[in-house]
């Protein structure tokens, strides 16, 4: 591979003015009053890929190039954390360049940011907790909302409120793989994404024990690699994560079929 980067000097990203203030909100488009096919496709892709790459960066340029490296490495589902400078402009360009990938925004804490993410082209939104305004407003739309949950009560409440997938967070602090295994037993019908502190080596166990998918942040966007702008390393880590998660999902499916 010659390179895993994209030059911002020649990229149309510069035309979006990511270093200036973000554009004002425009009226949102009409959303269907039933779950659209886009939500079904998004949730299916998240569950079948087994991994959501979580990117946070200290500049829009770094975020864009790191995202490109991960996508080129095989990542099909990627979220950019809201605190990343120029997050919506970066997302807009990535959506334009990668129309078949599932791209979203993470750590969305209010309806205004949810609206901006939707306008920029996000296919999903993630929060560390259940944000009621977002849940209510996006429940019947075409953008998948994945709220953060921790307890059995929160898991069931989010599901009954319309969540198609929930994010179990912070999973490592709660007991990691053992917690996922235990919490999945009373809720086998609820799709759970495990998030926080997960390594590439442990993804197979998380998925085998009940997680539909895992969120990988530093495991792909290694802090040292990000600091050195080593996009080749990010590309390799993304490729390793994508392959291991897909293999884990396939093993789980085959096991379920054999047990029928």
C-alpha atoms as a PDB file:
ATOM      1  CA  UNK A   1       0.000   0.000   0.000  1.00  0.00           C
ATOM      2  CA  UNK A   2       1.472   3.285  -1.031  1.00  0.00           C
ATOM      3  CA  UNK A   3      -0.303   5.390   1.548  1.00  0.00           C
ATOM      4  CA  UNK A   4      -3.319   5.454   3.824  1.00  0.00           C
ATOM      5  CA  UNK A   5      -3.724   9.190   3.840  1.00  0.00           C
ATOM      6  CA  UNK A   6      -5.639  11.795   1.910  1.00  0.00           C
ATOM      7  CA  UNK A   7      -4.047  15.197   1.345  1.00  0.00           C
ATOM      8  CA  UNK A   8      -6.135  18.043   2.629  1.00  0.00           C
ATOM      9  CA  UNK A   9      -4.351  20.415   0.251  1.00  0.00           C
ATOM     10  CA  UNK A  10      -6.080  18.800  -2.685  1.00  0.00           C
ATOM     11  CA  UNK A  11      -9.156  17.523  -0.854  1.00  0.00           C
ATOM     12  CA  UNK A  12     -12.524  19.260  -1.247  1.00  0.00           C
ATOM     13  CA  UNK A  13     -12.638  19.233   2.557  1.00  0.00           C
ATOM     14  CA  UNK A  14     -10.925  22.610   2.479  1.00  0.00           C
ATOM     15  CA  UNK A  15     -13.880  24.069   0.595  1.00  0.00           C
ATOM     16  CA  UNK A  16     -16.151  23.252   3.510  1.00  0.00           C
ATOM     17  CA  UNK A  17     -14.422  25.858   5.670  1.00  0.00           C
ATOM     18  CA  UNK A  18     -13.843  23.486   8.559  1.00  0.00           C
ATOM     19  CA  UNK A  19     -11.606  25.972  10.332  1.00  0.00           C
ATOM     20  CA  UNK A  20     -14.371  28.579  10.380  1.00  0.00           C
ATOM     21  CA  UNK A  21     -17.608  28.543  12.365  1.00  0.00           C
ATOM     22  CA  UNK A  22     -19.993  25.776  11.364  1.00  0.00           C
ATOM     23  CA  UNK A  23     -22.886  26.732   9.104  1.00  0.00           C
ATOM     24  CA  UNK A  24     -26.246  27.537  10.700  1.00  0.00           C
ATOM     25  CA  UNK A  25     -28.864  24.851  10.958  1.00  0.00           C
ATOM     26  CA  UNK A  26     -31.230  24.574   8.054  1.00  0.00           C
ATOM     27  CA  UNK A  27     -34.742  23.176   8.407  1.00  0.00           C
ATOM     28  CA  UNK A  28     -34.535  19.438   8.705  1.00  0.00           C
ATOM     29  CA  UNK A  29     -36.018  17.328   5.942  1.00  0.00           C
ATOM     30  CA  UNK A  30     -39.277  15.517   6.481  1.00  0.00           C
ATOM     31  CA  UNK A  31     -38.767  12.185   8.174  1.00  0.00           C
ATOM     32  CA  UNK A  32     -40.970   9.138   7.718  1.00  0.00           C
ATOM     33  CA  UNK A  33     -43.390   8.419  10.544  1.00  0.00           C
ATOM     34  CA  UNK A  34     -42.358   4.775  10.617  1.00  0.00           C
ATOM     35  CA  UNK A  35     -38.870   3.362  10.883  1.00  0.00           C
ATOM     36  CA  UNK A  36     -37.399   3.740   7.439  1.00  0.00           C
ATOM     37  CA  UNK A  37     -35.395   1.164   5.585  1.00  0.00           C
ATOM     38  CA  UNK A  38     -32.269   3.207   6.279  1.00  0.00           C
ATOM     39  CA  UNK A  39     -32.517   2.447  10.014  1.00  0.00           C
ATOM     40  CA  UNK A  40     -32.889  -1.258   9.279  1.00  0.00           C
ATOM     41  CA  UNK A  41     -29.869  -1.179   6.967  1.00  0.00           C
ATOM     42  CA  UNK A  42     -27.817   0.748   9.503  1.00  0.00           C
ATOM     43  CA  UNK A  43     -28.590  -1.605  12.372  1.00  0.00           C
ATOM     44  CA  UNK A  44     -27.959  -4.627  10.157  1.00  0.00           C
ATOM     45  CA  UNK A  45     -24.565  -3.269   9.099  1.00  0.00           C
ATOM     46  CA  UNK A  46     -23.572  -2.523  12.697  1.00  0.00           C
ATOM     47  CA  UNK A  47     -24.522  -6.014  13.808  1.00  0.00           C
ATOM     48  CA  UNK A  48     -22.930  -7.761  10.828  1.00  0.00           C
ATOM     49  CA  UNK A  49     -19.634  -5.830  10.961  1.00  0.00           C
ATOM     50  CA  UNK A  50     -19.217  -6.370  14.686  1.00  0.00           C
ATOM     51  CA  UNK A  51     -17.303  -3.118  15.204  1.00  0.00           C
ATOM     52  CA  UNK A  52     -17.882   0.618  15.423  1.00  0.00           C
ATOM     53  CA  UNK A  53     -14.636   2.575  15.118  1.00  0.00           C
ATOM     54  CA  UNK A  54     -14.758   5.571  17.463  1.00  0.00           C
ATOM     55  CA  UNK A  55     -12.624   8.539  16.399  1.00  0.00           C
ATOM     56  CA  UNK A  56     -11.725  11.611  18.414  1.00  0.00           C
ATOM     57  CA  UNK A  57      -9.078  14.069  17.262  1.00  0.00           C
ATOM     58  CA  UNK A  58      -7.776  17.514  18.166  1.00  0.00           C
ATOM     59  CA  UNK A  59      -8.181  18.926  14.656  1.00  0.00           C
ATOM     60  CA  UNK A  60     -10.473  18.508  11.682  1.00  0.00           C
ATOM     61  CA  UNK A  61      -7.551  17.679   9.398  1.00  0.00           C
ATOM     62  CA  UNK A  62      -6.308  14.905  11.665  1.00  0.00           C
ATOM     63  CA  UNK A  63      -9.821  13.521  12.045  1.00  0.00           C
ATOM     64  CA  UNK A  64     -10.354  13.430   8.296  1.00  0.00           C
ATOM     65  CA  UNK A  65      -7.081  11.659   7.493  1.00  0.00           C
ATOM     66  CA  UNK A  66      -7.401   9.183  10.377  1.00  0.00           C
ATOM     67  CA  UNK A  67     -10.964   8.380   9.303  1.00  0.00           C
ATOM     68  CA  UNK A  68      -9.824   7.803   5.714  1.00  0.00           C
ATOM     69  CA  UNK A  69      -7.088   5.445   6.922  1.00  0.00           C
ATOM     70  CA  UNK A  70      -9.566   3.430   8.994  1.00  0.00           C
ATOM     71  CA  UNK A  71     -12.126   3.234   6.198  1.00  0.00           C
ATOM     72  CA  UNK A  72      -9.465   2.156   3.725  1.00  0.00           C
ATOM     73  CA  UNK A  73      -8.413  -0.475   6.266  1.00  0.00           C
ATOM     74  CA  UNK A  74     -11.819  -2.118   6.121  1.00  0.00           C
ATOM     75  CA  UNK A  75     -13.917  -0.317   8.738  1.00  0.00           C
ATOM     76  CA  UNK A  76     -17.508  -0.036   7.540  1.00  0.00           C
ATOM     77  CA  UNK A  77     -19.042   1.680  10.598  1.00  0.00           C
ATOM     78  CA  UNK A  78     -17.360   4.767  12.054  1.00  0.00           C
ATOM     79  CA  UNK A  79     -18.384   7.428  14.548  1.00  0.00           C
ATOM     80  CA  UNK A  80     -16.677  10.757  15.110  1.00  0.00           C
ATOM     81  CA  UNK A  81     -16.931  12.113  18.643  1.00  0.00           C
ATOM     82  CA  UNK A  82     -18.809  15.409  18.899  1.00  0.00           C
ATOM     83  CA  UNK A  83     -15.893  17.220  20.613  1.00  0.00           C
ATOM     84  CA  UNK A  84     -13.709  16.833  17.504  1.00  0.00           C
ATOM     85  CA  UNK A  85     -13.225  20.283  15.892  1.00  0.00           C
ATOM     86  CA  UNK A  86     -15.232  20.656  12.693  1.00  0.00           C
ATOM     87  CA  UNK A  87     -16.967  17.333  13.337  1.00  0.00           C
ATOM     88  CA  UNK A  88     -20.004  18.044  11.152  1.00  0.00           C
ATOM     89  CA  UNK A  89     -17.972  19.360   8.227  1.00  0.00           C
ATOM     90  CA  UNK A  90     -15.621  16.378   8.422  1.00  0.00           C
ATOM     91  CA  UNK A  91     -18.612  14.045   8.524  1.00  0.00           C
ATOM     92  CA  UNK A  92     -20.205  15.770   5.537  1.00  0.00           C
ATOM     93  CA  UNK A  93     -17.083  15.257   3.442  1.00  0.00           C
ATOM     94  CA  UNK A  94     -16.649  11.639   4.547  1.00  0.00           C
ATOM     95  CA  UNK A  95     -20.276  10.883   3.689  1.00  0.00           C
ATOM     96  CA  UNK A  96     -19.748  12.424   0.259  1.00  0.00           C
ATOM     97  CA  UNK A  97     -16.593  10.382  -0.344  1.00  0.00           C
ATOM     98  CA  UNK A  98     -17.890   7.125   1.188  1.00  0.00           C
ATOM     99  CA  UNK A  99     -21.613   6.889   0.440  1.00  0.00           C
ATOM    100  CA  UNK A 100     -21.835   3.159   1.204  1.00  0.00           C
ATOM    101  CA  UNK A 101     -20.232   3.372   4.653  1.00  0.00           C
ATOM    102  CA  UNK A 102     -22.206   3.811   7.869  1.00  0.00           C
ATOM    103  CA  UNK A 103     -20.980   7.058   9.426  1.00  0.00           C
ATOM    104  CA  UNK A 104     -22.256   8.746  12.551  1.00  0.00           C
ATOM    105  CA  UNK A 105     -21.544  11.059  15.468  1.00  0.00           C
ATOM    106  CA  UNK A 106     -20.799  10.010  19.044  1.00  0.00           C
ATOM    107  CA  UNK A 107     -21.222  11.651  22.447  1.00  0.00           C
ATOM    108  CA  UNK A 108     -24.277  13.537  21.218  1.00  0.00           C
ATOM    109  CA  UNK A 109     -25.854  15.118  24.306  1.00  0.00           C
ATOM    110  CA  UNK A 110     -28.588  17.418  23.001  1.00  0.00           C
ATOM    111  CA  UNK A 111     -31.147  17.688  20.238  1.00  0.00           C
ATOM    112  CA  UNK A 112     -29.352  20.587  18.531  1.00  0.00           C
ATOM    113  CA  UNK A 113     -26.237  18.497  17.903  1.00  0.00           C
ATOM    114  CA  UNK A 114     -28.399  15.569  16.846  1.00  0.00           C
ATOM    115  CA  UNK A 115     -30.067  17.786  14.242  1.00  0.00           C
ATOM    116  CA  UNK A 116     -26.731  19.067  12.952  1.00  0.00           C
ATOM    117  CA  UNK A 117     -25.396  15.516  12.659  1.00  0.00           C
ATOM    118  CA  UNK A 118     -28.456  14.463  10.689  1.00  0.00           C
ATOM    119  CA  UNK A 119     -28.095  17.409   8.301  1.00  0.00           C
ATOM    120  CA  UNK A 120     -24.414  16.507   7.780  1.00  0.00           C
ATOM    121  CA  UNK A 121     -25.435  13.004   6.729  1.00  0.00           C
ATOM    122  CA  UNK A 122     -25.076  10.894   9.879  1.00  0.00           C
ATOM    123  CA  UNK A 123     -26.735   7.492   9.687  1.00  0.00           C
ATOM    124  CA  UNK A 124     -26.538   6.966  13.431  1.00  0.00           C
ATOM    125  CA  UNK A 125     -26.042   8.871  16.684  1.00  0.00           C
ATOM    126  CA  UNK A 126     -24.572   7.612  19.933  1.00  0.00           C
ATOM    127  CA  UNK A 127     -24.740   8.969  23.490  1.00  0.00           C
ATOM    128  CA  UNK A 128     -23.143   7.877  26.769  1.00  0.00           C
ATOM    129  CA  UNK A 129     -26.605   7.985  28.377  1.00  0.00           C
ATOM    130  CA  UNK A 130     -30.257   8.095  27.368  1.00  0.00           C
ATOM    131  CA  UNK A 131     -31.025  11.590  26.097  1.00  0.00           C
ATOM    132  CA  UNK A 132     -34.810  11.746  26.178  1.00  0.00           C
ATOM    133  CA  UNK A 133     -35.201  14.585  23.661  1.00  0.00           C
ATOM    134  CA  UNK A 134     -33.138  12.712  21.071  1.00  0.00           C
ATOM    135  CA  UNK A 135     -34.917   9.437  21.794  1.00  0.00           C
ATOM    136  CA  UNK A 136     -38.332  11.055  21.371  1.00  0.00           C
ATOM    137  CA  UNK A 137     -37.441  13.047  18.265  1.00  0.00           C
ATOM    138  CA  UNK A 138     -35.519  10.369  16.372  1.00  0.00           C
ATOM    139  CA  UNK A 139     -37.546   7.326  17.392  1.00  0.00           C
ATOM    140  CA  UNK A 140     -39.601   7.373  14.207  1.00  0.00           C
ATOM    141  CA  UNK A 141     -37.009   8.838  11.877  1.00  0.00           C
ATOM    142  CA  UNK A 142     -34.413   7.500   9.494  1.00  0.00           C
ATOM    143  CA  UNK A 143     -31.356   8.098  11.682  1.00  0.00           C
ATOM    144  CA  UNK A 144     -30.577   5.328  14.175  1.00  0.00           C
ATOM    145  CA  UNK A 145     -30.175   6.522  17.766  1.00  0.00           C
ATOM    146  CA  UNK A 146     -28.056   4.325  20.072  1.00  0.00           C
ATOM    147  CA  UNK A 147     -28.383   5.479  23.690  1.00  0.00           C
ATOM    148  CA  UNK A 148     -25.894   4.598  26.406  1.00  0.00           C
ATOM    149  CA  UNK A 149     -27.144   2.297  29.174  1.00  0.00           C
ATOM    150  CA  UNK A 150     -25.628   0.689  32.231  1.00  0.00           C
ATOM    151  CA  UNK A 151     -28.229  -1.053  34.392  1.00  0.00           C
ATOM    152  CA  UNK A 152     -30.962  -3.600  33.567  1.00  0.00           C
ATOM    153  CA  UNK A 153     -33.564  -0.877  34.187  1.00  0.00           C
ATOM    154  CA  UNK A 154     -31.888   1.480  31.718  1.00  0.00           C
ATOM    155  CA  UNK A 155     -31.561  -1.264  29.096  1.00  0.00           C
ATOM    156  CA  UNK A 156     -35.227  -2.166  29.293  1.00  0.00           C
ATOM    157  CA  UNK A 157     -36.356   1.479  29.481  1.00  0.00           C
ATOM    158  CA  UNK A 158     -34.371   2.392  26.361  1.00  0.00           C
ATOM    159  CA  UNK A 159     -35.683  -0.618  24.461  1.00  0.00           C
ATOM    160  CA  UNK A 160     -39.306   0.096  25.424  1.00  0.00           C
ATOM    161  CA  UNK A 161     -38.811   3.737  24.407  1.00  0.00           C
ATOM    162  CA  UNK A 162     -37.901   2.588  20.904  1.00  0.00           C
ATOM    163  CA  UNK A 163     -34.148   1.977  20.882  1.00  0.00           C
ATOM    164  CA  UNK A 164     -33.240  -0.652  18.310  1.00  0.00           C
ATOM    165  CA  UNK A 165     -29.693  -1.002  19.693  1.00  0.00           C
ATOM    166  CA  UNK A 166     -28.316   0.077  23.078  1.00  0.00           C
ATOM    167  CA  UNK A 167     -24.708   0.868  24.032  1.00  0.00           C
ATOM    168  CA  UNK A 168     -23.557  -0.766  27.267  1.00  0.00           C
ATOM    169  CA  UNK A 169     -21.195   1.839  28.738  1.00  0.00           C
ATOM    170  CA  UNK A 170     -18.717   1.935  30.446  1.00  0.00           C
ATOM    171  CA  UNK A 171     -18.470  -1.815  29.987  1.00  0.00           C
ATOM    172  CA  UNK A 172     -14.929  -2.363  31.294  1.00  0.00           C
ATOM    173  CA  UNK A 173     -15.727  -0.570  34.542  1.00  0.00           C
ATOM    174  CA  UNK A 174     -18.842  -2.706  34.935  1.00  0.00           C
ATOM    175  CA  UNK A 175     -17.028  -6.026  34.586  1.00  0.00           C
ATOM    176  CA  UNK A 176     -16.295  -6.272  30.882  1.00  0.00           C
ATOM    177  CA  UNK A 177     -17.050  -9.579  29.193  1.00  0.00           C
ATOM    178  CA  UNK A 178     -18.561 -11.031  32.392  1.00  0.00           C
ATOM    179  CA  UNK A 179     -21.032  -8.152  32.616  1.00  0.00           C
ATOM    180  CA  UNK A 180     -22.110  -8.512  28.995  1.00  0.00           C
ATOM    181  CA  UNK A 181     -22.585 -12.243  29.493  1.00  0.00           C
ATOM    182  CA  UNK A 182     -24.711 -11.703  32.604  1.00  0.00           C
ATOM    183  CA  UNK A 183     -26.789  -8.775  31.357  1.00  0.00           C
ATOM    184  CA  UNK A 184     -27.568 -10.418  28.022  1.00  0.00           C
ATOM    185  CA  UNK A 185     -29.288 -13.411  29.643  1.00  0.00           C
ATOM    186  CA  UNK A 186     -32.504 -11.609  30.672  1.00  0.00           C
ATOM    187  CA  UNK A 187     -32.498  -9.558  27.448  1.00  0.00           C
ATOM    188  CA  UNK A 188     -31.597 -11.934  24.588  1.00  0.00           C
ATOM    189  CA  UNK A 189     -33.869  -9.968  22.252  1.00  0.00           C
ATOM    190  CA  UNK A 190     -32.073  -6.627  22.749  1.00  0.00           C
ATOM    191  CA  UNK A 191     -29.083  -5.818  20.551  1.00  0.00           C
ATOM    192  CA  UNK A 192     -26.194  -4.532  22.681  1.00  0.00           C
ATOM    193  CA  UNK A 193     -23.029  -2.713  21.663  1.00  0.00           C
ATOM    194  CA  UNK A 194     -20.217  -3.002  24.211  1.00  0.00           C
ATOM    195  CA  UNK A 195     -18.243   0.208  24.663  1.00  0.00           C
ATOM    196  CA  UNK A 196     -15.189   1.474  26.614  1.00  0.00           C
ATOM    197  CA  UNK A 197     -11.751   0.022  27.144  1.00  0.00           C
ATOM    198  CA  UNK A 198     -12.054  -2.864  24.665  1.00  0.00           C
ATOM    199  CA  UNK A 199      -8.972  -4.211  22.903  1.00  0.00           C
ATOM    200  CA  UNK A 200      -8.797  -5.940  19.531  1.00  0.00           C
ATOM    201  CA  UNK A 201      -7.708  -9.173  21.232  1.00  0.00           C
ATOM    202  CA  UNK A 202     -10.895  -9.266  23.329  1.00  0.00           C
ATOM    203  CA  UNK A 203     -13.504  -8.558  20.648  1.00  0.00           C
ATOM    204  CA  UNK A 204     -14.105 -12.238  19.929  1.00  0.00           C
ATOM    205  CA  UNK A 205     -15.005 -12.933  23.561  1.00  0.00           C
ATOM    206  CA  UNK A 206     -17.323  -9.922  23.789  1.00  0.00           C
ATOM    207  CA  UNK A 207     -19.247 -10.992  20.710  1.00  0.00           C
ATOM    208  CA  UNK A 208     -19.300 -14.651  21.743  1.00  0.00           C
ATOM    209  CA  UNK A 209     -20.736 -13.690  25.146  1.00  0.00           C
ATOM    210  CA  UNK A 210     -23.595 -11.623  23.766  1.00  0.00           C
ATOM    211  CA  UNK A 211     -22.458  -8.286  22.349  1.00  0.00           C
ATOM    212  CA  UNK A 212     -23.794  -7.653  18.851  1.00  0.00           C
ATOM    213  CA  UNK A 213     -20.903  -5.292  18.196  1.00  0.00           C
ATOM    214  CA  UNK A 214     -18.094  -3.491  20.020  1.00  0.00           C
ATOM    215  CA  UNK A 215     -16.855   0.083  20.015  1.00  0.00           C
ATOM    216  CA  UNK A 216     -13.103   0.383  19.473  1.00  0.00           C
ATOM    217  CA  UNK A 217     -11.463   3.755  20.001  1.00  0.00           C
ATOM    218  CA  UNK A 218      -7.796   3.771  21.068  1.00  0.00           C
ATOM    219  CA  UNK A 219      -7.502   0.178  19.855  1.00  0.00           C
ATOM    220  CA  UNK A 220      -7.752   1.529  16.285  1.00  0.00           C
ATOM    221  CA  UNK A 221      -6.910   5.207  16.671  1.00  0.00           C
ATOM    222  CA  UNK A 222      -3.813   4.530  18.753  1.00  0.00           C
ATOM    223  CA  UNK A 223      -2.815   7.669  20.660  1.00  0.00           C
ATOM    224  CA  UNK A 224       0.829   7.463  19.639  1.00  0.00           C
ATOM    225  CA  UNK A 225      -0.094   6.849  16.007  1.00  0.00           C
ATOM    226  CA  UNK A 226      -2.499   9.790  16.074  1.00  0.00           C
ATOM    227  CA  UNK A 227       0.132  12.029  17.637  1.00  0.00           C
ATOM    228  CA  UNK A 228       2.695  11.059  14.998  1.00  0.00           C
ATOM    229  CA  UNK A 229       0.124  11.077  12.178  1.00  0.00           C
ATOM    230  CA  UNK A 230       1.093   7.481  11.472  1.00  0.00           C
ATOM    231  CA  UNK A 231      -1.882   6.670   9.275  1.00  0.00           C
ATOM    232  CA  UNK A 232      -0.313   3.436   8.027  1.00  0.00           C
ATOM    233  CA  UNK A 233      -0.485   2.059  11.571  1.00  0.00           C
ATOM    234  CA  UNK A 234      -4.105   3.173  11.910  1.00  0.00           C
ATOM    235  CA  UNK A 235      -4.823   1.443   8.602  1.00  0.00           C
ATOM    236  CA  UNK A 236      -3.255  -1.809   9.884  1.00  0.00           C
ATOM    237  CA  UNK A 237      -5.098  -1.681  13.201  1.00  0.00           C
ATOM    238  CA  UNK A 238      -8.382  -0.984  11.422  1.00  0.00           C
ATOM    239  CA  UNK A 239      -7.809  -3.919   9.094  1.00  0.00           C
ATOM    240  CA  UNK A 240      -7.027  -6.239  12.000  1.00  0.00           C
ATOM    241  CA  UNK A 241     -10.090  -5.082  13.953  1.00  0.00           C
ATOM    242  CA  UNK A 242     -12.438  -5.379  10.975  1.00  0.00           C
ATOM    243  CA  UNK A 243     -11.288  -8.914  10.195  1.00  0.00           C
ATOM    244  CA  UNK A 244     -11.383 -10.172  13.779  1.00  0.00           C
ATOM    245  CA  UNK A 245     -14.825  -8.729  14.449  1.00  0.00           C
ATOM    246  CA  UNK A 246     -16.271 -10.114  11.215  1.00  0.00           C
ATOM    247  CA  UNK A 247     -14.839 -13.545  12.010  1.00  0.00           C
ATOM    248  CA  UNK A 248     -16.325 -13.392  15.511  1.00  0.00           C
ATOM    249  CA  UNK A 249     -19.754 -12.473  14.126  1.00  0.00           C
ATOM    250  CA  UNK A 250     -19.586 -15.316  11.589  1.00  0.00           C
ATOM    251  CA  UNK A 251     -18.563 -17.833  14.285  1.00  0.00           C
ATOM    252  CA  UNK A 252     -21.482 -16.739  16.426  1.00  0.00           C
ATOM    253  CA  UNK A 253     -23.934 -17.106  13.530  1.00  0.00           C
ATOM    254  CA  UNK A 254     -22.619 -20.568  12.644  1.00  0.00           C
ATOM    255  CA  UNK A 255     -22.873 -21.673  16.266  1.00  0.00           C
ATOM    256  CA  UNK A 256     -26.467 -20.496  16.464  1.00  0.00           C
ATOM    257  CA  UNK A 257     -27.337 -22.309  13.222  1.00  0.00           C
ATOM    258  CA  UNK A 258     -25.719 -25.518  14.467  1.00  0.00           C
ATOM    259  CA  UNK A 259     -27.744 -25.328  17.663  1.00  0.00           C
ATOM    260  CA  UNK A 260     -31.080 -25.065  15.845  1.00  0.00           C
END
